[in-house]
């Protein structure tokens, strides 16, 4: 069973930065595709950024140039550096993992994820 857990998040003023970290265990980490998603209550979940098994990143258009994702296969972690945050980035952020077979032919933003963390709240105040 793969265990996924987020850390970080919090509250920041618009224009500020936050960093989220995701740790995964229970599977060969270098064989996992990983992704970051966010969701507001009553809204659909939105893909934010992802990395395939070897760490190649991909981003949603809404965060390109502001967010950076890094998959560290040595430390079994996936980080999300969020810069120039705005109030529209406020959401619960979730980390997800799936075996690389699920993202061989599709973007990590659109892959089927089998394992999810509990989420970390990010609040951006204007």
C-alpha atoms as a PDB file:
ATOM      1  CA  UNK A   1       0.000   0.000   0.000  1.00  0.00           C
ATOM      2  CA  UNK A   2       1.361   3.393  -0.996  1.00  0.00           C
ATOM      3  CA  UNK A   3       1.224   6.071   1.657  1.00  0.00           C
ATOM      4  CA  UNK A   4       1.240   9.701   0.564  1.00  0.00           C
ATOM      5  CA  UNK A   5       1.503  12.649   2.932  1.00  0.00           C
ATOM      6  CA  UNK A   6       1.728  16.392   2.345  1.00  0.00           C
ATOM      7  CA  UNK A   7       3.418  18.969   4.524  1.00  0.00           C
ATOM      8  CA  UNK A   8       3.791  22.710   4.321  1.00  0.00           C
ATOM      9  CA  UNK A   9       1.155  25.164   3.207  1.00  0.00           C
ATOM     10  CA  UNK A  10      -0.326  27.874   5.378  1.00  0.00           C
ATOM     11  CA  UNK A  11      -1.357  31.465   4.866  1.00  0.00           C
ATOM     12  CA  UNK A  12       0.504  34.132   2.918  1.00  0.00           C
ATOM     13  CA  UNK A  13      -0.143  37.551   1.459  1.00  0.00           C
ATOM     14  CA  UNK A  14      -0.649  37.982  -2.251  1.00  0.00           C
ATOM     15  CA  UNK A  15       2.669  38.051  -4.053  1.00  0.00           C
ATOM     16  CA  UNK A  16       4.277  35.796  -1.481  1.00  0.00           C
ATOM     17  CA  UNK A  17       5.606  32.263  -1.670  1.00  0.00           C
ATOM     18  CA  UNK A  18       4.892  28.911  -0.088  1.00  0.00           C
ATOM     19  CA  UNK A  19       6.342  25.455  -0.452  1.00  0.00           C
ATOM     20  CA  UNK A  20       4.566  22.113  -0.233  1.00  0.00           C
ATOM     21  CA  UNK A  21       6.320  18.787   0.151  1.00  0.00           C
ATOM     22  CA  UNK A  22       4.902  15.341  -0.468  1.00  0.00           C
ATOM     23  CA  UNK A  23       6.454  12.145   0.869  1.00  0.00           C
ATOM     24  CA  UNK A  24       5.528   8.767  -0.563  1.00  0.00           C
ATOM     25  CA  UNK A  25       6.343   5.327   0.770  1.00  0.00           C
ATOM     26  CA  UNK A  26       5.386   1.715   0.143  1.00  0.00           C
ATOM     27  CA  UNK A  27       6.455   1.583  -3.492  1.00  0.00           C
ATOM     28  CA  UNK A  28       9.590   2.016  -5.535  1.00  0.00           C
ATOM     29  CA  UNK A  29       9.481   5.803  -5.694  1.00  0.00           C
ATOM     30  CA  UNK A  30      11.314   6.090  -8.999  1.00  0.00           C
ATOM     31  CA  UNK A  31       8.503   4.043 -10.569  1.00  0.00           C
ATOM     32  CA  UNK A  32       5.778   6.459  -9.474  1.00  0.00           C
ATOM     33  CA  UNK A  33       4.235   9.339 -11.354  1.00  0.00           C
ATOM     34  CA  UNK A  34       3.279  12.125  -8.978  1.00  0.00           C
ATOM     35  CA  UNK A  35       0.930  15.045  -9.136  1.00  0.00           C
ATOM     36  CA  UNK A  36      -0.332  18.065  -7.258  1.00  0.00           C
ATOM     37  CA  UNK A  37      -4.016  18.942  -7.356  1.00  0.00           C
ATOM     38  CA  UNK A  38      -6.134  21.582  -5.675  1.00  0.00           C
ATOM     39  CA  UNK A  39      -9.771  21.883  -4.788  1.00  0.00           C
ATOM     40  CA  UNK A  40     -12.135  24.374  -3.253  1.00  0.00           C
ATOM     41  CA  UNK A  41     -15.287  23.242  -1.406  1.00  0.00           C
ATOM     42  CA  UNK A  42     -18.022  22.543  -3.922  1.00  0.00           C
ATOM     43  CA  UNK A  43     -15.678  22.893  -6.866  1.00  0.00           C
ATOM     44  CA  UNK A  44     -14.049  20.349  -9.126  1.00  0.00           C
ATOM     45  CA  UNK A  45     -10.539  19.223  -8.420  1.00  0.00           C
ATOM     46  CA  UNK A  46      -7.951  20.922 -10.613  1.00  0.00           C
ATOM     47  CA  UNK A  47      -4.599  19.534 -11.699  1.00  0.00           C
ATOM     48  CA  UNK A  48      -1.789  21.926 -10.853  1.00  0.00           C
ATOM     49  CA  UNK A  49       1.514  20.248 -11.636  1.00  0.00           C
ATOM     50  CA  UNK A  50       2.975  16.807 -12.017  1.00  0.00           C
ATOM     51  CA  UNK A  51       6.087  14.801 -12.692  1.00  0.00           C
ATOM     52  CA  UNK A  52       6.522  11.539 -14.491  1.00  0.00           C
ATOM     53  CA  UNK A  53       8.552   8.733 -12.973  1.00  0.00           C
ATOM     54  CA  UNK A  54      11.916  10.188 -13.954  1.00  0.00           C
ATOM     55  CA  UNK A  55      10.928  13.653 -12.745  1.00  0.00           C
ATOM     56  CA  UNK A  56      10.054  15.454 -15.960  1.00  0.00           C
ATOM     57  CA  UNK A  57       7.683  18.222 -14.831  1.00  0.00           C
ATOM     58  CA  UNK A  58       4.473  19.472 -16.366  1.00  0.00           C
ATOM     59  CA  UNK A  59       2.246  22.378 -15.329  1.00  0.00           C
ATOM     60  CA  UNK A  60      -1.272  23.658 -15.704  1.00  0.00           C
ATOM     61  CA  UNK A  61      -1.448  26.897 -17.682  1.00  0.00           C
ATOM     62  CA  UNK A  62      -2.750  28.739 -14.629  1.00  0.00           C
ATOM     63  CA  UNK A  63       0.501  28.211 -12.708  1.00  0.00           C
ATOM     64  CA  UNK A  64       3.169  28.175 -15.418  1.00  0.00           C
ATOM     65  CA  UNK A  65       5.999  30.542 -14.586  1.00  0.00           C
ATOM     66  CA  UNK A  66       4.936  30.765 -10.935  1.00  0.00           C
ATOM     67  CA  UNK A  67       5.031  27.186  -9.621  1.00  0.00           C
ATOM     68  CA  UNK A  68       7.888  24.696  -9.792  1.00  0.00           C
ATOM     69  CA  UNK A  69       7.641  20.981  -9.107  1.00  0.00           C
ATOM     70  CA  UNK A  70      10.606  18.778  -8.254  1.00  0.00           C
ATOM     71  CA  UNK A  71      10.555  15.006  -7.868  1.00  0.00           C
ATOM     72  CA  UNK A  72      13.489  13.836  -5.785  1.00  0.00           C
ATOM     73  CA  UNK A  73      13.909  10.126  -6.435  1.00  0.00           C
ATOM     74  CA  UNK A  74      16.683   9.989  -3.856  1.00  0.00           C
ATOM     75  CA  UNK A  75      14.552  11.317  -1.013  1.00  0.00           C
ATOM     76  CA  UNK A  76      11.178   9.977  -2.173  1.00  0.00           C
ATOM     77  CA  UNK A  77       9.661  13.441  -2.138  1.00  0.00           C
ATOM     78  CA  UNK A  78       7.783  15.731  -4.482  1.00  0.00           C
ATOM     79  CA  UNK A  79       7.961  19.440  -3.770  1.00  0.00           C
ATOM     80  CA  UNK A  80       5.859  22.283  -5.093  1.00  0.00           C
ATOM     81  CA  UNK A  81       7.398  25.738  -4.872  1.00  0.00           C
ATOM     82  CA  UNK A  82       4.698  28.351  -5.298  1.00  0.00           C
ATOM     83  CA  UNK A  83       5.753  31.917  -6.053  1.00  0.00           C
ATOM     84  CA  UNK A  84       3.828  35.094  -6.776  1.00  0.00           C
ATOM     85  CA  UNK A  85       0.725  33.634  -5.187  1.00  0.00           C
ATOM     86  CA  UNK A  86      -2.634  35.282  -5.668  1.00  0.00           C
ATOM     87  CA  UNK A  87      -5.986  34.803  -3.900  1.00  0.00           C
ATOM     88  CA  UNK A  88      -7.190  32.547  -6.730  1.00  0.00           C
ATOM     89  CA  UNK A  89      -4.555  30.024  -5.629  1.00  0.00           C
ATOM     90  CA  UNK A  90      -6.348  29.542  -2.306  1.00  0.00           C
ATOM     91  CA  UNK A  91      -7.424  25.898  -2.030  1.00  0.00           C
ATOM     92  CA  UNK A  92      -6.747  22.570  -0.405  1.00  0.00           C
ATOM     93  CA  UNK A  93      -3.761  21.075  -2.178  1.00  0.00           C
ATOM     94  CA  UNK A  94      -3.468  17.322  -2.578  1.00  0.00           C
ATOM     95  CA  UNK A  95      -0.541  15.159  -3.563  1.00  0.00           C
ATOM     96  CA  UNK A  96      -1.194  11.986  -5.523  1.00  0.00           C
ATOM     97  CA  UNK A  97       0.825   9.028  -6.743  1.00  0.00           C
ATOM     98  CA  UNK A  98       0.318   6.296  -9.279  1.00  0.00           C
ATOM     99  CA  UNK A  99       2.487   3.594 -10.837  1.00  0.00           C
ATOM    100  CA  UNK A 100       4.186   4.861 -13.962  1.00  0.00           C
ATOM    101  CA  UNK A 101       2.163   2.554 -16.168  1.00  0.00           C
ATOM    102  CA  UNK A 102      -0.746   4.980 -15.701  1.00  0.00           C
ATOM    103  CA  UNK A 103       1.162   7.906 -17.166  1.00  0.00           C
ATOM    104  CA  UNK A 104       3.205   6.284 -19.914  1.00  0.00           C
ATOM    105  CA  UNK A 105       0.894   7.580 -22.624  1.00  0.00           C
ATOM    106  CA  UNK A 106      -0.761  10.491 -20.855  1.00  0.00           C
ATOM    107  CA  UNK A 107       0.339  13.608 -19.020  1.00  0.00           C
ATOM    108  CA  UNK A 108       0.765  13.348 -15.238  1.00  0.00           C
ATOM    109  CA  UNK A 109      -1.904  16.063 -15.119  1.00  0.00           C
ATOM    110  CA  UNK A 110      -4.464  13.690 -16.636  1.00  0.00           C
ATOM    111  CA  UNK A 111      -3.331  10.297 -15.340  1.00  0.00           C
ATOM    112  CA  UNK A 112      -5.476   8.090 -13.146  1.00  0.00           C
ATOM    113  CA  UNK A 113      -4.127   8.418  -9.616  1.00  0.00           C
ATOM    114  CA  UNK A 114      -4.566   5.593  -7.138  1.00  0.00           C
ATOM    115  CA  UNK A 115      -3.095   7.057  -3.973  1.00  0.00           C
ATOM    116  CA  UNK A 116      -3.861  10.400  -2.375  1.00  0.00           C
ATOM    117  CA  UNK A 117      -2.714  12.393   0.607  1.00  0.00           C
ATOM    118  CA  UNK A 118      -4.963  14.120   3.120  1.00  0.00           C
ATOM    119  CA  UNK A 119      -4.309  17.587   1.747  1.00  0.00           C
ATOM    120  CA  UNK A 120      -2.659  20.799   2.870  1.00  0.00           C
ATOM    121  CA  UNK A 121      -4.438  24.136   3.032  1.00  0.00           C
ATOM    122  CA  UNK A 122      -3.027  27.103   1.150  1.00  0.00           C
ATOM    123  CA  UNK A 123      -4.620  30.484   1.816  1.00  0.00           C
ATOM    124  CA  UNK A 124      -3.591  33.640  -0.017  1.00  0.00           C
ATOM    125  CA  UNK A 125      -4.925  36.910   1.355  1.00  0.00           C
ATOM    126  CA  UNK A 126      -5.036  40.147  -0.585  1.00  0.00           C
END
